[in-house]
mmCIF file of all heavy atoms, coordinates in Angstrom:
data_MODEL
# 
_entry.id   MODEL 
# 
loop_
_atom_site.group_PDB 
_atom_site.id 
_atom_site.type_symbol 
_atom_site.label_atom_id 
_atom_site.label_alt_id 
_atom_site.label_comp_id 
_atom_site.label_asym_id 
_atom_site.label_entity_id 
_atom_site.label_seq_id 
_atom_site.pdbx_PDB_ins_code 
_atom_site.Cartn_x 
_atom_site.Cartn_y 
_atom_site.Cartn_z 
_atom_site.occupancy 
_atom_site.B_iso_or_equiv 
_atom_site.pdbx_formal_charge 
_atom_site.auth_seq_id 
_atom_site.auth_comp_id 
_atom_site.auth_asym_id 
_atom_site.auth_atom_id 
_atom_site.pdbx_PDB_model_num 
ATOM 1   N N   . ALA A 1 1  ? 0.831   -1.201  0.000  1.00 0.00 ? 1  ALA A N   1 
ATOM 2   C CA  . ALA A 1 1  ? 0.000   0.000   0.000  1.00 0.00 ? 1  ALA A CA  1 
ATOM 3   C C   . ALA A 1 1  ? 0.865   1.249   0.000  1.00 0.00 ? 1  ALA A C   1 
ATOM 4   O O   . ALA A 1 1  ? 2.031   1.222   0.400  1.00 0.00 ? 1  ALA A O   1 
ATOM 5   C CB  . ALA A 1 1  ? -0.912  0.006   1.219  1.00 0.00 ? 1  ALA A CB  1 
ATOM 6   N N   . VAL A 1 2  ? 0.253   2.344   -0.426 1.00 0.00 ? 2  VAL A N   1 
ATOM 7   C CA  . VAL A 1 2  ? 0.932   3.631   -0.444 1.00 0.00 ? 2  VAL A CA  1 
ATOM 8   C C   . VAL A 1 2  ? -0.077  4.734   -0.150 1.00 0.00 ? 2  VAL A C   1 
ATOM 9   O O   . VAL A 1 2  ? -1.239  4.644   -0.544 1.00 0.00 ? 2  VAL A O   1 
ATOM 10  C CB  . VAL A 1 2  ? 1.638   3.870   -1.800 1.00 0.00 ? 2  VAL A CB  1 
ATOM 11  C CG1 . VAL A 1 2  ? 0.635   3.943   -2.937 1.00 0.00 ? 2  VAL A CG1 1 
ATOM 12  C CG2 . VAL A 1 2  ? 2.491   5.109   -1.755 1.00 0.00 ? 2  VAL A CG2 1 
ATOM 13  N N   . CYS A 1 3  ? 0.362   5.738   0.571  1.00 0.00 ? 3  CYS A N   1 
ATOM 14  C CA  . CYS A 1 3  ? -0.440  6.931   0.820  1.00 0.00 ? 3  CYS A CA  1 
ATOM 15  C C   . CYS A 1 3  ? 0.512   8.112   0.705  1.00 0.00 ? 3  CYS A C   1 
ATOM 16  O O   . CYS A 1 3  ? 1.409   8.268   1.532  1.00 0.00 ? 3  CYS A O   1 
ATOM 17  C CB  . CYS A 1 3  ? -1.077  6.882   2.213  1.00 0.00 ? 3  CYS A CB  1 
ATOM 18  S SG  . CYS A 1 3  ? -2.074  8.347   2.611  1.00 0.00 ? 3  CYS A SG  1 
ATOM 19  N N   . LEU A 1 4  ? 0.337   8.917   -0.334 1.00 0.00 ? 4  LEU A N   1 
ATOM 20  C CA  . LEU A 1 4  ? 1.222   10.050  -0.583 1.00 0.00 ? 4  LEU A CA  1 
ATOM 21  C C   . LEU A 1 4  ? 0.486   11.352  -0.302 1.00 0.00 ? 4  LEU A C   1 
ATOM 22  O O   . LEU A 1 4  ? -0.586  11.599  -0.857 1.00 0.00 ? 4  LEU A O   1 
ATOM 23  C CB  . LEU A 1 4  ? 1.721   10.033  -2.026 1.00 0.00 ? 4  LEU A CB  1 
ATOM 24  C CG  . LEU A 1 4  ? 2.495   8.785   -2.439 1.00 0.00 ? 4  LEU A CG  1 
ATOM 25  C CD1 . LEU A 1 4  ? 2.841   8.836   -3.916 1.00 0.00 ? 4  LEU A CD1 1 
ATOM 26  C CD2 . LEU A 1 4  ? 3.745   8.627   -1.590 1.00 0.00 ? 4  LEU A CD2 1 
ATOM 27  N N   . ILE A 1 5  ? 1.074   12.171  0.538  1.00 0.00 ? 5  ILE A N   1 
ATOM 28  C CA  . ILE A 1 5  ? 0.489   13.453  0.905  1.00 0.00 ? 5  ILE A CA  1 
ATOM 29  C C   . ILE A 1 5  ? 1.313   14.556  0.258  1.00 0.00 ? 5  ILE A C   1 
ATOM 30  O O   . ILE A 1 5  ? 2.549   14.557  0.361  1.00 0.00 ? 5  ILE A O   1 
ATOM 31  C CB  . ILE A 1 5  ? 0.474   13.645  2.445  1.00 0.00 ? 5  ILE A CB  1 
ATOM 32  C CG1 . ILE A 1 5  ? -0.160  12.447  3.148  1.00 0.00 ? 5  ILE A CG1 1 
ATOM 33  C CG2 . ILE A 1 5  ? -0.211  14.948  2.818  1.00 0.00 ? 5  ILE A CG2 1 
ATOM 34  C CD1 . ILE A 1 5  ? -1.615  12.211  2.843  1.00 0.00 ? 5  ILE A CD1 1 
ATOM 35  N N   . SER A 1 6  ? 0.635   15.495  -0.397 1.00 0.00 ? 6  SER A N   1 
ATOM 36  C CA  . SER A 1 6  ? 1.313   16.626  -1.014 1.00 0.00 ? 6  SER A CA  1 
ATOM 37  C C   . SER A 1 6  ? 0.631   17.911  -0.546 1.00 0.00 ? 6  SER A C   1 
ATOM 38  O O   . SER A 1 6  ? -0.290  17.876  0.271  1.00 0.00 ? 6  SER A O   1 
ATOM 39  C CB  . SER A 1 6  ? 1.258   16.513  -2.540 1.00 0.00 ? 6  SER A CB  1 
ATOM 40  O OG  . SER A 1 6  ? -0.079  16.618  -2.987 1.00 0.00 ? 6  SER A OG  1 
ATOM 41  N N   . LEU A 1 7  ? 1.082   19.026  -1.072 1.00 0.00 ? 7  LEU A N   1 
ATOM 42  C CA  . LEU A 1 7  ? 0.486   20.316  -0.742 1.00 0.00 ? 7  LEU A CA  1 
ATOM 43  C C   . LEU A 1 7  ? -0.220  20.848  -1.978 1.00 0.00 ? 7  LEU A C   1 
ATOM 44  O O   . LEU A 1 7  ? 0.348   20.844  -3.079 1.00 0.00 ? 7  LEU A O   1 
ATOM 45  C CB  . LEU A 1 7  ? 1.594   21.279  -0.302 1.00 0.00 ? 7  LEU A CB  1 
ATOM 46  C CG  . LEU A 1 7  ? 1.260   22.293  0.752  1.00 0.00 ? 7  LEU A CG  1 
ATOM 47  C CD1 . LEU A 1 7  ? 0.713   21.647  2.002  1.00 0.00 ? 7  LEU A CD1 1 
ATOM 48  C CD2 . LEU A 1 7  ? 2.474   23.133  1.090  1.00 0.00 ? 7  LEU A CD2 1 
ATOM 49  N N   . TRP A 1 8  ? -1.455  21.293  -1.833 1.00 0.00 ? 8  TRP A N   1 
ATOM 50  C CA  . TRP A 1 8  ? -2.220  21.870  -2.936 1.00 0.00 ? 8  TRP A CA  1 
ATOM 51  C C   . TRP A 1 8  ? -2.940  23.090  -2.397 1.00 0.00 ? 8  TRP A C   1 
ATOM 52  O O   . TRP A 1 8  ? -3.664  22.990  -1.404 1.00 0.00 ? 8  TRP A O   1 
ATOM 53  C CB  . TRP A 1 8  ? -3.218  20.842  -3.483 1.00 0.00 ? 8  TRP A CB  1 
ATOM 54  C CG  . TRP A 1 8  ? -3.967  21.327  -4.681 1.00 0.00 ? 8  TRP A CG  1 
ATOM 55  C CD1 . TRP A 1 8  ? -3.483  21.519  -5.940 1.00 0.00 ? 8  TRP A CD1 1 
ATOM 56  C CD2 . TRP A 1 8  ? -5.349  21.678  -4.736 1.00 0.00 ? 8  TRP A CD2 1 
ATOM 57  N NE1 . TRP A 1 8  ? -4.471  21.969  -6.774 1.00 0.00 ? 8  TRP A NE1 1 
ATOM 58  C CE2 . TRP A 1 8  ? -5.628  22.079  -6.048 1.00 0.00 ? 8  TRP A CE2 1 
ATOM 59  C CE3 . TRP A 1 8  ? -6.369  21.706  -3.796 1.00 0.00 ? 8  TRP A CE3 1 
ATOM 60  C CZ2 . TRP A 1 8  ? -6.890  22.499  -6.461 1.00 0.00 ? 8  TRP A CZ2 1 
ATOM 61  C CZ3 . TRP A 1 8  ? -7.628  22.118  -4.207 1.00 0.00 ? 8  TRP A CZ3 1 
ATOM 62  C CH2 . TRP A 1 8  ? -7.870  22.500  -5.525 1.00 0.00 ? 8  TRP A CH2 1 
ATOM 63  N N   . GLU A 1 9  ? -2.693  24.237  -3.001 1.00 0.00 ? 9  GLU A N   1 
ATOM 64  C CA  . GLU A 1 9  ? -3.252  25.507  -2.541 1.00 0.00 ? 9  GLU A CA  1 
ATOM 65  C C   . GLU A 1 9  ? -2.962  25.718  -1.052 1.00 0.00 ? 9  GLU A C   1 
ATOM 66  O O   . GLU A 1 9  ? -3.812  26.106  -0.270 1.00 0.00 ? 9  GLU A O   1 
ATOM 67  C CB  . GLU A 1 9  ? -4.751  25.599  -2.829 1.00 0.00 ? 9  GLU A CB  1 
ATOM 68  C CG  . GLU A 1 9  ? -5.075  25.644  -4.297 1.00 0.00 ? 9  GLU A CG  1 
ATOM 69  C CD  . GLU A 1 9  ? -6.566  25.789  -4.585 1.00 0.00 ? 9  GLU A CD  1 
ATOM 70  O OE1 . GLU A 1 9  ? -7.394  25.611  -3.674 1.00 0.00 ? 9  GLU A OE1 1 
ATOM 71  O OE2 . GLU A 1 9  ? -6.885  26.098  -5.739 1.00 0.00 ? 9  GLU A OE2 1 
ATOM 72  N N   . GLU A 1 10 ? -1.725  25.409  -0.666 1.00 0.00 ? 10 GLU A N   1 
ATOM 73  C CA  . GLU A 1 10 ? -1.214  25.603  0.691  1.00 0.00 ? 10 GLU A CA  1 
ATOM 74  C C   . GLU A 1 10 ? -1.897  24.736  1.763  1.00 0.00 ? 10 GLU A C   1 
ATOM 75  O O   . GLU A 1 10 ? -1.803  25.006  2.947  1.00 0.00 ? 10 GLU A O   1 
ATOM 76  C CB  . GLU A 1 10 ? -1.262  27.080  1.081  1.00 0.00 ? 10 GLU A CB  1 
ATOM 77  C CG  . GLU A 1 10 ? -0.410  27.937  0.152  1.00 0.00 ? 10 GLU A CG  1 
ATOM 78  C CD  . GLU A 1 10 ? -0.382  29.395  0.543  1.00 0.00 ? 10 GLU A CD  1 
ATOM 79  O OE1 . GLU A 1 10 ? -0.432  29.689  1.746  1.00 0.00 ? 10 GLU A OE1 1 
ATOM 80  O OE2 . GLU A 1 10 ? -0.296  30.223  -0.363 1.00 0.00 ? 10 GLU A OE2 1 
ATOM 81  N N   . LEU A 1 11 ? -2.590  23.692  1.343  1.00 0.00 ? 11 LEU A N   1 
ATOM 82  C CA  . LEU A 1 11 ? -3.205  22.747  2.274  1.00 0.00 ? 11 LEU A CA  1 
ATOM 83  C C   . LEU A 1 11 ? -2.799  21.326  1.869  1.00 0.00 ? 11 LEU A C   1 
ATOM 84  O O   . LEU A 1 11 ? -2.621  21.040  0.684  1.00 0.00 ? 11 LEU A O   1 
ATOM 85  C CB  . LEU A 1 11 ? -4.735  22.868  2.254  1.00 0.00 ? 11 LEU A CB  1 
ATOM 86  C CG  . LEU A 1 11 ? -5.293  24.152  2.844  1.00 0.00 ? 11 LEU A CG  1 
ATOM 87  C CD1 . LEU A 1 11 ? -6.785  24.241  2.587  1.00 0.00 ? 11 LEU A CD1 1 
ATOM 88  C CD2 . LEU A 1 11 ? -5.013  24.239  4.336  1.00 0.00 ? 11 LEU A CD2 1 
ATOM 89  N N   . PRO A 1 12 ? -2.675  20.415  2.843  1.00 0.00 ? 12 PRO A N   1 
ATOM 90  C CA  . PRO A 1 12 ? -2.300  19.047  2.506  1.00 0.00 ? 12 PRO A CA  1 
ATOM 91  C C   . PRO A 1 12 ? -3.397  18.326  1.730  1.00 0.00 ? 12 PRO A C   1 
ATOM 92  O O   . PRO A 1 12 ? -4.590  18.569  1.940  1.00 0.00 ? 12 PRO A O   1 
ATOM 93  C CB  . PRO A 1 12 ? -2.065  18.387  3.865  1.00 0.00 ? 12 PRO A CB  1 
ATOM 94  C CG  . PRO A 1 12 ? -2.770  19.222  4.850  1.00 0.00 ? 12 PRO A CG  1 
ATOM 95  C CD  . PRO A 1 12 ? -2.853  20.603  4.288  1.00 0.00 ? 12 PRO A CD  1 
ATOM 96  N N   . LEU A 1 13 ? -2.964  17.471  0.826  1.00 0.00 ? 13 LEU A N   1 
ATOM 97  C CA  . LEU A 1 13 ? -3.857  16.720  -0.058 1.00 0.00 ? 13 LEU A CA  1 
ATOM 98  C C   . LEU A 1 13 ? -3.383  15.273  -0.138 1.00 0.00 ? 13 LEU A C   1 
ATOM 99  O O   . LEU A 1 13 ? -2.178  15.022  -0.271 1.00 0.00 ? 13 LEU A O   1 
ATOM 100 C CB  . LEU A 1 13 ? -3.831  17.337  -1.463 1.00 0.00 ? 13 LEU A CB  1 
ATOM 101 C CG  . LEU A 1 13 ? -4.456  16.528  -2.596 1.00 0.00 ? 13 LEU A CG  1 
ATOM 102 C CD1 . LEU A 1 13 ? -5.975  16.525  -2.470 1.00 0.00 ? 13 LEU A CD1 1 
ATOM 103 C CD2 . LEU A 1 13 ? -4.036  17.068  -3.945 1.00 0.00 ? 13 LEU A CD2 1 
ATOM 104 N N   . VAL A 1 14 ? -4.312  14.341  -0.047 1.00 0.00 ? 14 VAL A N   1 
ATOM 105 C CA  . VAL A 1 14 ? -3.986  12.937  -0.302 1.00 0.00 ? 14 VAL A CA  1 
ATOM 106 C C   . VAL A 1 14 ? -3.848  12.822  -1.816 1.00 0.00 ? 14 VAL A C   1 
ATOM 107 O O   . VAL A 1 14 ? -4.841  12.777  -2.542 1.00 0.00 ? 14 VAL A O   1 
ATOM 108 C CB  . VAL A 1 14 ? -5.079  11.983  0.229  1.00 0.00 ? 14 VAL A CB  1 
ATOM 109 C CG1 . VAL A 1 14 ? -4.717  10.538  -0.106 1.00 0.00 ? 14 VAL A CG1 1 
ATOM 110 C CG2 . VAL A 1 14 ? -5.285  12.162  1.724  1.00 0.00 ? 14 VAL A CG2 1 
ATOM 111 N N   . SER A 1 15 ? -2.605  12.834  -2.296 1.00 0.00 ? 15 SER A N   1 
ATOM 112 C CA  . SER A 1 15 ? -2.355  12.774  -3.743 1.00 0.00 ? 15 SER A CA  1 
ATOM 113 C C   . SER A 1 15 ? -2.698  11.409  -4.301 1.00 0.00 ? 15 SER A C   1 
ATOM 114 O O   . SER A 1 15 ? -3.276  11.288  -5.365 1.00 0.00 ? 15 SER A O   1 
ATOM 115 C CB  . SER A 1 15 ? -0.890  13.066  -4.052 1.00 0.00 ? 15 SER A CB  1 
ATOM 116 O OG  . SER A 1 15 ? -0.536  14.337  -3.633 1.00 0.00 ? 15 SER A OG  1 
ATOM 117 N N   . ASP A 1 16 ? -2.280  10.381  -3.577 1.00 0.00 ? 16 ASP A N   1 
ATOM 118 C CA  . ASP A 1 16 ? -2.522  9.003   -3.992 1.00 0.00 ? 16 ASP A CA  1 
ATOM 119 C C   . ASP A 1 16 ? -2.696  8.142   -2.758 1.00 0.00 ? 16 ASP A C   1 
ATOM 120 O O   . ASP A 1 16 ? -1.972  8.304   -1.784 1.00 0.00 ? 16 ASP A O   1 
ATOM 121 C CB  . ASP A 1 16 ? -1.332  8.450   -4.797 1.00 0.00 ? 16 ASP A CB  1 
ATOM 122 C CG  . ASP A 1 16 ? -1.234  9.051   -6.170 1.00 0.00 ? 16 ASP A CG  1 
ATOM 123 O OD1 . ASP A 1 16 ? -2.144  8.799   -6.978 1.00 0.00 ? 16 ASP A OD1 1 
ATOM 124 O OD2 . ASP A 1 16 ? -0.257  9.774   -6.424 1.00 0.00 ? 16 ASP A OD2 1 
ATOM 125 N N   . ILE A 1 17 ? -3.649  7.236   -2.835 1.00 0.00 ? 17 ILE A N   1 
ATOM 126 C CA  . ILE A 1 17 ? -3.768  6.193   -1.815 1.00 0.00 ? 17 ILE A CA  1 
ATOM 127 C C   . ILE A 1 17 ? -4.191  4.932   -2.554 1.00 0.00 ? 17 ILE A C   1 
ATOM 128 O O   . ILE A 1 17 ? -5.125  4.959   -3.355 1.00 0.00 ? 17 ILE A O   1 
ATOM 129 C CB  . ILE A 1 17 ? -4.739  6.555   -0.676 1.00 0.00 ? 17 ILE A CB  1 
ATOM 130 C CG1 . ILE A 1 17 ? -4.701  5.461   0.399  1.00 0.00 ? 17 ILE A CG1 1 
ATOM 131 C CG2 . ILE A 1 17 ? -6.119  6.875   -1.180 1.00 0.00 ? 17 ILE A CG2 1 
ATOM 132 C CD1 . ILE A 1 17 ? -5.228  5.883   1.735  1.00 0.00 ? 17 ILE A CD1 1 
ATOM 133 N N   . ALA A 1 18 ? -3.458  3.874   -2.334 1.00 0.00 ? 18 ALA A N   1 
ATOM 134 C CA  . ALA A 1 18 ? -3.747  2.627   -3.036 1.00 0.00 ? 18 ALA A CA  1 
ATOM 135 C C   . ALA A 1 18 ? -3.328  1.448   -2.177 1.00 0.00 ? 18 ALA A C   1 
ATOM 136 O O   . ALA A 1 18 ? -2.327  1.505   -1.475 1.00 0.00 ? 18 ALA A O   1 
ATOM 137 C CB  . ALA A 1 18 ? -3.002  2.586   -4.366 1.00 0.00 ? 18 ALA A CB  1 
ATOM 138 N N   . VAL A 1 19 ? -4.129  0.387   -2.256 1.00 0.00 ? 19 VAL A N   1 
ATOM 139 C CA  . VAL A 1 19 ? -3.830  -0.865  -1.570 1.00 0.00 ? 19 VAL A CA  1 
ATOM 140 C C   . VAL A 1 19 ? -4.035  -1.982  -2.587 1.00 0.00 ? 19 VAL A C   1 
ATOM 141 O O   . VAL A 1 19 ? -5.054  -2.012  -3.288 1.00 0.00 ? 19 VAL A O   1 
ATOM 142 C CB  . VAL A 1 19 ? -4.755  -1.080  -0.345 1.00 0.00 ? 19 VAL A CB  1 
ATOM 143 C CG1 . VAL A 1 19 ? -4.442  -2.403  0.337  1.00 0.00 ? 19 VAL A CG1 1 
ATOM 144 C CG2 . VAL A 1 19 ? -4.636  0.081   0.637  1.00 0.00 ? 19 VAL A CG2 1 
ATOM 145 N N   . ILE A 1 20 ? -3.075  -2.890  -2.673 1.00 0.00 ? 20 ILE A N   1 
ATOM 146 C CA  . ILE A 1 20 ? -3.202  -4.022  -3.594 1.00 0.00 ? 20 ILE A CA  1 
ATOM 147 C C   . ILE A 1 20 ? -4.473  -4.799  -3.221 1.00 0.00 ? 20 ILE A C   1 
ATOM 148 O O   . ILE A 1 20 ? -4.732  -5.030  -2.035 1.00 0.00 ? 20 ILE A O   1 
ATOM 149 C CB  . ILE A 1 20 ? -1.948  -4.906  -3.523 1.00 0.00 ? 20 ILE A CB  1 
ATOM 150 C CG1 . ILE A 1 20 ? -0.785  -4.138  -4.157 1.00 0.00 ? 20 ILE A CG1 1 
ATOM 151 C CG2 . ILE A 1 20 ? -2.157  -6.243  -4.217 1.00 0.00 ? 20 ILE A CG2 1 
ATOM 152 C CD1 . ILE A 1 20 ? 0.515   -4.880  -4.166 1.00 0.00 ? 20 ILE A CD1 1 
ATOM 153 N N   . PRO A 1 21 ? -5.278  -5.202  -4.213 1.00 0.00 ? 21 PRO A N   1 
ATOM 154 C CA  . PRO A 1 21 ? -6.584  -5.811  -3.943 1.00 0.00 ? 21 PRO A CA  1 
ATOM 155 C C   . PRO A 1 21 ? -6.610  -6.921  -2.896 1.00 0.00 ? 21 PRO A C   1 
ATOM 156 O O   . PRO A 1 21 ? -7.501  -6.940  -2.051 1.00 0.00 ? 21 PRO A O   1 
ATOM 157 C CB  . PRO A 1 21 ? -7.020  -6.326  -5.317 1.00 0.00 ? 21 PRO A CB  1 
ATOM 158 C CG  . PRO A 1 21 ? -6.382  -5.378  -6.280 1.00 0.00 ? 21 PRO A CG  1 
ATOM 159 C CD  . PRO A 1 21 ? -5.047  -5.048  -5.655 1.00 0.00 ? 21 PRO A CD  1 
ATOM 160 N N   . ARG A 1 22 ? -5.665  -7.816  -2.880 1.00 0.00 ? 22 ARG A N   1 
ATOM 161 C CA  . ARG A 1 22 ? -5.750  -8.930  -1.927 1.00 0.00 ? 22 ARG A CA  1 
ATOM 162 C C   . ARG A 1 22 ? -5.516  -8.503  -0.475 1.00 0.00 ? 22 ARG A C   1 
ATOM 163 O O   . ARG A 1 22 ? -5.761  -9.261  0.456  1.00 0.00 ? 22 ARG A O   1 
ATOM 164 C CB  . ARG A 1 22 ? -4.820  -10.068 -2.325 1.00 0.00 ? 22 ARG A CB  1 
ATOM 165 C CG  . ARG A 1 22 ? -3.371  -9.796  -2.189 1.00 0.00 ? 22 ARG A CG  1 
ATOM 166 C CD  . ARG A 1 22 ? -2.584  -11.083 -2.521 1.00 0.00 ? 22 ARG A CD  1 
ATOM 167 N NE  . ARG A 1 22 ? -1.182  -10.849 -2.555 1.00 0.00 ? 22 ARG A NE  1 
ATOM 168 C CZ  . ARG A 1 22 ? -0.490  -10.523 -3.639 1.00 0.00 ? 22 ARG A CZ  1 
ATOM 169 N NH1 . ARG A 1 22 ? -1.105  -10.420 -4.799 1.00 0.00 ? 22 ARG A NH1 1 
ATOM 170 N NH2 . ARG A 1 22 ? 0.805   -10.321 -3.576 1.00 0.00 ? 22 ARG A NH2 1 
ATOM 171 N N   . TYR A 1 23 ? -5.062  -7.264  -0.256 1.00 0.00 ? 23 TYR A N   1 
ATOM 172 C CA  . TYR A 1 23 ? -4.837  -6.757  1.100  1.00 0.00 ? 23 TYR A CA  1 
ATOM 173 C C   . TYR A 1 23 ? -5.931  -5.783  1.558  1.00 0.00 ? 23 TYR A C   1 
ATOM 174 O O   . TYR A 1 23 ? -5.877  -5.273  2.668  1.00 0.00 ? 23 TYR A O   1 
ATOM 175 C CB  . TYR A 1 23 ? -3.484  -6.039  1.186  1.00 0.00 ? 23 TYR A CB  1 
ATOM 176 C CG  . TYR A 1 23 ? -2.304  -6.945  1.005  1.00 0.00 ? 23 TYR A CG  1 
ATOM 177 C CD1 . TYR A 1 23 ? -1.695  -7.075  -0.244 1.00 0.00 ? 23 TYR A CD1 1 
ATOM 178 C CD2 . TYR A 1 23 ? -1.782  -7.662  2.066  1.00 0.00 ? 23 TYR A CD2 1 
ATOM 179 C CE1 . TYR A 1 23 ? -0.590  -7.899  -0.417 1.00 0.00 ? 23 TYR A CE1 1 
ATOM 180 C CE2 . TYR A 1 23 ? -0.679  -8.492  1.903  1.00 0.00 ? 23 TYR A CE2 1 
ATOM 181 C CZ  . TYR A 1 23 ? -0.093  -8.605  0.661  1.00 0.00 ? 23 TYR A CZ  1 
ATOM 182 O OH  . TYR A 1 23 ? 0.999   -9.420  0.495  1.00 0.00 ? 23 TYR A OH  1 
ATOM 183 N N   . ARG A 1 24 ? -6.913  -5.525  0.709  1.00 0.00 ? 24 ARG A N   1 
ATOM 184 C CA  . ARG A 1 24 ? -7.889  -4.477  0.999  1.00 0.00 ? 24 ARG A CA  1 
ATOM 185 C C   . ARG A 1 24 ? -8.805  -4.751  2.177  1.00 0.00 ? 24 ARG A C   1 
ATOM 186 O O   . ARG A 1 24 ? -9.357  -3.832  2.739  1.00 0.00 ? 24 ARG A O   1 
ATOM 187 C CB  . ARG A 1 24 ? -8.714  -4.175  -0.251 1.00 0.00 ? 24 ARG A CB  1 
ATOM 188 C CG  . ARG A 1 24 ? -7.895  -3.437  -1.273 1.00 0.00 ? 24 ARG A CG  1 
ATOM 189 C CD  . ARG A 1 24 ? -8.685  -2.957  -2.430 1.00 0.00 ? 24 ARG A CD  1 
ATOM 190 N NE  . ARG A 1 24 ? -7.785  -2.318  -3.379 1.00 0.00 ? 24 ARG A NE  1 
ATOM 191 C CZ  . ARG A 1 24 ? -8.046  -2.167  -4.646 1.00 0.00 ? 24 ARG A CZ  1 
ATOM 192 N NH1 . ARG A 1 24 ? -9.191  -2.588  -5.140 1.00 0.00 ? 24 ARG A NH1 1 
ATOM 193 N NH2 . ARG A 1 24 ? -7.167  -1.580  -5.438 1.00 0.00 ? 24 ARG A NH2 1 
ATOM 194 N N   . SER A 1 25 ? -8.978  -5.960  2.603  1.00 0.00 ? 25 SER A N   1 
ATOM 195 C CA  . SER A 1 25 ? -9.871  -6.251  3.735  1.00 0.00 ? 25 SER A CA  1 
ATOM 196 C C   . SER A 1 25 ? -9.158  -6.108  5.080  1.00 0.00 ? 25 SER A C   1 
ATOM 197 O O   . SER A 1 25 ? -9.744  -6.373  6.124  1.00 0.00 ? 25 SER A O   1 
ATOM 198 C CB  . SER A 1 25 ? -10.454 -7.654  3.599  1.00 0.00 ? 25 SER A CB  1 
ATOM 199 O OG  . SER A 1 25 ? -9.410  -8.602  3.617  1.00 0.00 ? 25 SER A OG  1 
ATOM 200 N N   . ASN A 1 26 ? -7.912  -5.653  5.077  1.00 0.00 ? 26 ASN A N   1 
ATOM 201 C CA  . ASN A 1 26 ? -7.115  -5.559  6.305  1.00 0.00 ? 26 ASN A CA  1 
ATOM 202 C C   . ASN A 1 26 ? -7.120  -4.167  6.933  1.00 0.00 ? 26 ASN A C   1 
ATOM 203 O O   . ASN A 1 26 ? -6.348  -3.910  7.843  1.00 0.00 ? 26 ASN A O   1 
ATOM 204 C CB  . ASN A 1 26 ? -5.668  -5.986  6.027  1.00 0.00 ? 26 ASN A CB  1 
ATOM 205 C CG  . ASN A 1 26 ? -5.575  -7.429  5.608  1.00 0.00 ? 26 ASN A CG  1 
ATOM 206 O OD1 . ASN A 1 26 ? -6.305  -8.270  6.108  1.00 0.00 ? 26 ASN A OD1 1 
ATOM 207 N ND2 . ASN A 1 26 ? -4.696  -7.723  4.679  1.00 0.00 ? 26 ASN A ND2 1 
ATOM 208 N N   . ARG A 1 27 ? -7.940  -3.265  6.446  1.00 0.00 ? 27 ARG A N   1 
ATOM 209 C CA  . ARG A 1 27 ? -8.082  -1.901  6.981  1.00 0.00 ? 27 ARG A CA  1 
ATOM 210 C C   . ARG A 1 27 ? -6.791  -1.086  6.894  1.00 0.00 ? 27 ARG A C   1 
ATOM 211 O O   . ARG A 1 27 ? -6.540  -0.179  7.694  1.00 0.00 ? 27 ARG A O   1 
ATOM 212 C CB  . ARG A 1 27 ? -8.610  -1.934  8.408  1.00 0.00 ? 27 ARG A CB  1 
ATOM 213 C CG  . ARG A 1 27 ? -9.931  -2.704  8.535  1.00 0.00 ? 27 ARG A CG  1 
ATOM 214 C CD  . ARG A 1 27 ? -10.527 -2.676  9.906  1.00 0.00 ? 27 ARG A CD  1 
ATOM 215 N NE  . ARG A 1 27 ? -10.772 -1.342  10.422 1.00 0.00 ? 27 ARG A NE  1 
ATOM 216 C CZ  . ARG A 1 27 ? -11.831 -0.586  10.149 1.00 0.00 ? 27 ARG A CZ  1 
ATOM 217 N NH1 . ARG A 1 27 ? -12.763 -1.039  9.358  1.00 0.00 ? 27 ARG A NH1 1 
ATOM 218 N NH2 . ARG A 1 27 ? -11.953 0.608   10.684 1.00 0.00 ? 27 ARG A NH2 1 
ATOM 219 N N   . ILE A 1 28 ? -5.959  -1.404  5.929  1.00 0.00 ? 28 ILE A N   1 
ATOM 220 C CA  . ILE A 1 28 ? -4.689  -0.704  5.767  1.00 0.00 ? 28 ILE A CA  1 
ATOM 221 C C   . ILE A 1 28 ? -4.918  0.750   5.372  1.00 0.00 ? 28 ILE A C   1 
ATOM 222 O O   . ILE A 1 28 ? -4.273  1.656   5.929  1.00 0.00 ? 28 ILE A O   1 
ATOM 223 C CB  . ILE A 1 28 ? -3.793  -1.421  4.741  1.00 0.00 ? 28 ILE A CB  1 
ATOM 224 C CG1 . ILE A 1 28 ? -3.410  -2.808  5.270  1.00 0.00 ? 28 ILE A CG1 1 
ATOM 225 C CG2 . ILE A 1 28 ? -2.548  -0.604  4.420  1.00 0.00 ? 28 ILE A CG2 1 
ATOM 226 C CD1 . ILE A 1 28 ? -2.718  -3.697  4.263  1.00 0.00 ? 28 ILE A CD1 1 
ATOM 227 N N   . ALA A 1 29 ? -5.825  1.002   4.444  1.00 0.00 ? 29 ALA A N   1 
ATOM 228 C CA  . ALA A 1 29 ? -6.084  2.382   4.013  1.00 0.00 ? 29 ALA A CA  1 
ATOM 229 C C   . ALA A 1 29 ? -6.556  3.241   5.184  1.00 0.00 ? 29 ALA A C   1 
ATOM 230 O O   . ALA A 1 29 ? -6.130  4.388   5.325  1.00 0.00 ? 29 ALA A O   1 
ATOM 231 C CB  . ALA A 1 29 ? -7.117  2.399   2.881  1.00 0.00 ? 29 ALA A CB  1 
# 
């Protein structure tokens, strides 16, 4: 999984969040 935070208009933004399908039921996100 990955969760990338960036800045957009001077506020934080979740740019990307992804979890490989077989791990999605583990509440990782």
